[in-house]
N, C-alpha and C. Protein backbone atom coordinates (compact mmCIF):
# COMPACT_ATOMS: atom_id res chain seq x y z
N MET A 1 239.60 -165.69 55.79
CA MET A 1 239.82 -167.02 56.31
C MET A 1 240.96 -167.02 57.32
N GLY A 2 242.19 -166.78 56.84
CA GLY A 2 243.32 -166.85 57.75
C GLY A 2 244.48 -166.00 57.27
N THR A 3 245.56 -166.08 58.00
CA THR A 3 246.75 -165.29 57.64
C THR A 3 248.03 -166.12 57.71
N ARG A 4 247.90 -167.43 57.66
CA ARG A 4 249.08 -168.29 57.77
C ARG A 4 250.11 -168.05 56.69
N LEU A 5 249.67 -167.55 55.54
CA LEU A 5 250.60 -167.33 54.43
C LEU A 5 250.75 -165.84 54.11
N ALA A 6 250.40 -164.99 55.05
CA ALA A 6 250.49 -163.54 54.82
C ALA A 6 251.91 -163.14 54.44
N GLY A 7 252.01 -162.35 53.38
CA GLY A 7 253.32 -161.88 52.93
C GLY A 7 254.09 -162.87 52.08
N LYS A 8 253.55 -164.05 51.86
CA LYS A 8 254.23 -165.07 51.06
C LYS A 8 253.78 -164.96 49.60
N VAL A 9 254.60 -165.47 48.70
CA VAL A 9 254.26 -165.54 47.29
C VAL A 9 254.30 -167.01 46.89
N ALA A 10 253.21 -167.48 46.30
CA ALA A 10 253.11 -168.89 45.91
C ALA A 10 252.86 -169.01 44.42
N ILE A 11 253.51 -169.98 43.80
CA ILE A 11 253.21 -170.34 42.42
C ILE A 11 252.44 -171.65 42.46
N ILE A 12 251.30 -171.67 41.77
CA ILE A 12 250.50 -172.88 41.68
C ILE A 12 250.43 -173.27 40.20
N SER A 13 251.13 -174.37 39.83
CA SER A 13 251.04 -174.84 38.45
C SER A 13 249.76 -175.67 38.32
N GLY A 14 249.10 -175.52 37.19
CA GLY A 14 247.80 -176.14 37.02
C GLY A 14 246.78 -175.50 37.94
N GLY A 15 247.01 -174.22 38.26
CA GLY A 15 246.23 -173.53 39.29
C GLY A 15 244.93 -172.92 38.83
N ALA A 16 244.47 -173.24 37.63
CA ALA A 16 243.25 -172.62 37.12
C ALA A 16 241.98 -173.34 37.52
N THR A 17 242.00 -174.66 37.50
CA THR A 17 240.77 -175.43 37.74
C THR A 17 241.07 -176.65 38.60
N GLY A 18 240.02 -177.31 39.01
CA GLY A 18 240.16 -178.55 39.77
C GLY A 18 240.91 -178.34 41.07
N MET A 19 241.74 -179.32 41.42
CA MET A 19 242.50 -179.24 42.67
C MET A 19 243.46 -178.06 42.67
N GLY A 20 244.06 -177.75 41.53
CA GLY A 20 244.95 -176.60 41.44
C GLY A 20 244.22 -175.29 41.66
N GLY A 21 243.01 -175.19 41.11
CA GLY A 21 242.20 -174.00 41.33
C GLY A 21 241.82 -173.84 42.79
N ALA A 22 241.48 -174.96 43.41
CA ALA A 22 241.14 -174.93 44.84
C ALA A 22 242.35 -174.52 45.67
N ALA A 23 243.54 -175.02 45.29
CA ALA A 23 244.76 -174.64 46.00
C ALA A 23 245.04 -173.15 45.83
N SER A 24 244.85 -172.63 44.63
CA SER A 24 245.05 -171.20 44.39
C SER A 24 244.14 -170.37 45.28
N GLU A 25 242.87 -170.74 45.35
CA GLU A 25 241.91 -170.01 46.17
C GLU A 25 242.24 -170.13 47.66
N LEU A 26 242.64 -171.31 48.11
CA LEU A 26 242.97 -171.51 49.51
C LEU A 26 244.22 -170.74 49.92
N PHE A 27 245.26 -170.80 49.09
CA PHE A 27 246.49 -170.06 49.40
C PHE A 27 246.18 -168.57 49.50
N ALA A 28 245.39 -168.06 48.57
CA ALA A 28 245.03 -166.64 48.60
C ALA A 28 244.21 -166.31 49.84
N ALA A 29 243.29 -167.16 50.19
CA ALA A 29 242.46 -166.93 51.38
C ALA A 29 243.30 -166.92 52.65
N GLU A 30 244.44 -167.61 52.62
CA GLU A 30 245.34 -167.63 53.77
C GLU A 30 246.36 -166.50 53.72
N GLY A 31 246.23 -165.61 52.73
CA GLY A 31 247.05 -164.41 52.69
C GLY A 31 248.17 -164.37 51.69
N ALA A 32 248.38 -165.46 50.95
CA ALA A 32 249.47 -165.48 49.97
C ALA A 32 249.10 -164.68 48.72
N LYS A 33 250.11 -164.11 48.08
CA LYS A 33 249.97 -163.58 46.73
C LYS A 33 250.15 -164.80 45.83
N VAL A 34 249.22 -165.01 44.92
CA VAL A 34 249.21 -166.25 44.14
C VAL A 34 249.50 -165.99 42.67
N ALA A 35 250.47 -166.73 42.14
CA ALA A 35 250.76 -166.75 40.71
C ALA A 35 250.20 -168.05 40.16
N ILE A 36 249.19 -167.94 39.34
CA ILE A 36 248.56 -169.11 38.73
C ILE A 36 249.22 -169.36 37.39
N ILE A 37 249.80 -170.54 37.23
CA ILE A 37 250.38 -170.93 35.95
C ILE A 37 249.56 -172.09 35.40
N ASP A 38 249.05 -171.89 34.18
CA ASP A 38 248.21 -172.92 33.58
C ASP A 38 248.28 -172.77 32.06
N ARG A 39 248.10 -173.84 31.33
CA ARG A 39 248.10 -173.74 29.88
C ARG A 39 246.78 -173.21 29.34
N ASN A 40 245.74 -173.21 30.18
CA ASN A 40 244.43 -172.66 29.80
C ASN A 40 244.36 -171.22 30.29
N GLY A 41 244.68 -170.30 29.42
CA GLY A 41 244.73 -168.89 29.79
C GLY A 41 243.40 -168.33 30.25
N GLU A 42 242.31 -168.71 29.59
CA GLU A 42 241.00 -168.20 29.98
C GLU A 42 240.63 -168.65 31.38
N ALA A 43 240.85 -169.91 31.68
CA ALA A 43 240.52 -170.43 33.01
C ALA A 43 241.42 -169.81 34.07
N ALA A 44 242.69 -169.63 33.74
CA ALA A 44 243.62 -169.01 34.70
C ALA A 44 243.22 -167.58 34.99
N ALA A 45 242.83 -166.84 33.95
CA ALA A 45 242.38 -165.45 34.13
C ALA A 45 241.12 -165.40 34.98
N ALA A 46 240.21 -166.34 34.75
CA ALA A 46 238.96 -166.37 35.52
C ALA A 46 239.22 -166.67 36.99
N THR A 47 240.09 -167.62 37.27
CA THR A 47 240.41 -167.94 38.67
C THR A 47 241.10 -166.77 39.35
N ALA A 48 242.03 -166.13 38.65
CA ALA A 48 242.71 -164.96 39.22
C ALA A 48 241.70 -163.84 39.49
N ALA A 49 240.76 -163.64 38.58
CA ALA A 49 239.74 -162.60 38.77
C ALA A 49 238.86 -162.91 39.97
N THR A 50 238.51 -164.17 40.15
CA THR A 50 237.70 -164.57 41.31
C THR A 50 238.45 -164.28 42.60
N ILE A 51 239.72 -164.61 42.63
CA ILE A 51 240.54 -164.37 43.82
C ILE A 51 240.63 -162.87 44.10
N ARG A 52 240.86 -162.08 43.06
CA ARG A 52 240.95 -160.62 43.25
C ARG A 52 239.62 -160.04 43.71
N ALA A 53 238.52 -160.58 43.21
CA ALA A 53 237.19 -160.10 43.62
C ALA A 53 236.95 -160.34 45.11
N ARG A 54 237.64 -161.30 45.67
CA ARG A 54 237.53 -161.59 47.10
C ARG A 54 238.52 -160.77 47.93
N GLY A 55 239.23 -159.87 47.27
CA GLY A 55 240.13 -158.97 47.98
C GLY A 55 241.55 -159.45 48.14
N HIS A 56 241.93 -160.47 47.39
CA HIS A 56 243.28 -161.03 47.50
C HIS A 56 244.08 -160.72 46.24
N LEU A 57 245.37 -160.96 46.29
CA LEU A 57 246.25 -160.71 45.15
C LEU A 57 246.49 -161.99 44.35
N ALA A 58 246.29 -161.89 43.04
CA ALA A 58 246.55 -163.03 42.16
C ALA A 58 246.87 -162.52 40.77
N GLU A 59 247.79 -163.20 40.12
CA GLU A 59 248.13 -162.95 38.73
C GLU A 59 248.11 -164.29 38.01
N HIS A 60 247.87 -164.27 36.71
CA HIS A 60 247.89 -165.52 35.96
C HIS A 60 248.92 -165.44 34.84
N PHE A 61 249.46 -166.60 34.51
CA PHE A 61 250.47 -166.73 33.48
C PHE A 61 250.17 -167.99 32.68
N VAL A 62 250.27 -167.89 31.36
CA VAL A 62 250.00 -169.04 30.50
C VAL A 62 251.31 -169.74 30.21
N ALA A 63 251.35 -171.02 30.53
CA ALA A 63 252.54 -171.83 30.26
C ALA A 63 252.17 -173.30 30.30
N ASP A 64 252.83 -174.06 29.45
CA ASP A 64 252.75 -175.52 29.48
C ASP A 64 253.98 -175.99 30.24
N VAL A 65 253.78 -176.68 31.36
CA VAL A 65 254.93 -177.04 32.20
C VAL A 65 255.90 -178.01 31.53
N SER A 66 255.52 -178.57 30.38
CA SER A 66 256.46 -179.42 29.66
C SER A 66 257.41 -178.60 28.78
N ASP A 67 257.20 -177.28 28.73
CA ASP A 67 258.04 -176.38 27.94
C ASP A 67 258.85 -175.49 28.89
N GLU A 68 260.13 -175.80 29.03
CA GLU A 68 260.98 -175.11 30.00
C GLU A 68 261.02 -173.60 29.79
N ALA A 69 261.08 -173.16 28.54
CA ALA A 69 261.14 -171.73 28.26
C ALA A 69 259.86 -171.03 28.71
N GLN A 70 258.72 -171.67 28.51
CA GLN A 70 257.45 -171.08 28.95
C GLN A 70 257.40 -170.97 30.47
N VAL A 71 257.87 -172.00 31.15
CA VAL A 71 257.88 -171.99 32.61
C VAL A 71 258.82 -170.90 33.13
N GLU A 72 260.00 -170.81 32.55
CA GLU A 72 260.95 -169.77 32.97
C GLU A 72 260.35 -168.38 32.79
N ALA A 73 259.66 -168.15 31.68
CA ALA A 73 259.04 -166.84 31.43
C ALA A 73 257.92 -166.57 32.44
N ALA A 74 257.13 -167.59 32.75
CA ALA A 74 256.04 -167.42 33.71
C ALA A 74 256.58 -167.12 35.10
N VAL A 75 257.60 -167.84 35.51
CA VAL A 75 258.19 -167.60 36.84
C VAL A 75 258.81 -166.20 36.90
N LYS A 76 259.49 -165.81 35.85
CA LYS A 76 260.07 -164.46 35.80
C LYS A 76 258.96 -163.42 35.93
N GLY A 77 257.86 -163.60 35.21
CA GLY A 77 256.74 -162.68 35.30
C GLY A 77 256.13 -162.64 36.69
N ALA A 78 256.03 -163.80 37.31
CA ALA A 78 255.48 -163.87 38.67
C ALA A 78 256.35 -163.09 39.65
N ILE A 79 257.65 -163.25 39.54
CA ILE A 79 258.58 -162.54 40.42
C ILE A 79 258.49 -161.04 40.19
N GLU A 80 258.41 -160.63 38.93
CA GLU A 80 258.31 -159.20 38.61
C GLU A 80 257.04 -158.58 39.17
N LYS A 81 255.93 -159.31 39.10
CA LYS A 81 254.64 -158.75 39.52
C LYS A 81 254.34 -158.93 41.01
N LEU A 82 254.81 -160.04 41.59
CA LEU A 82 254.42 -160.35 42.97
C LEU A 82 255.58 -160.36 43.96
N GLY A 83 256.80 -160.45 43.47
CA GLY A 83 257.95 -160.53 44.36
C GLY A 83 258.53 -161.93 44.39
N PRO A 84 259.62 -162.12 45.13
CA PRO A 84 260.27 -163.43 45.20
C PRO A 84 259.33 -164.52 45.70
N VAL A 85 259.44 -165.69 45.09
CA VAL A 85 258.60 -166.83 45.48
C VAL A 85 259.10 -167.38 46.80
N THR A 86 258.18 -167.55 47.75
CA THR A 86 258.55 -167.99 49.09
C THR A 86 257.82 -169.25 49.54
N VAL A 87 256.91 -169.75 48.70
CA VAL A 87 256.19 -170.99 49.05
C VAL A 87 256.41 -171.99 47.94
């Protein structure tokens, strides 16, 4: 699709399905490495797998955004796997 986000790392909360899933796929198609954070682990894994099947980089992390410790762990994991968040 494009390269507007090439080399960037994006975190998409609620990024497994619906508008969040569409955002995850669009960011990846534009070249971003995508960290999908969602409380639905199966859906997050499926969306990440779809993105990877299209040749892009994506990782998924399970977290409920109302739980600060879960969010901190997910962001730490995203940084470890994909690099510093830039979007």
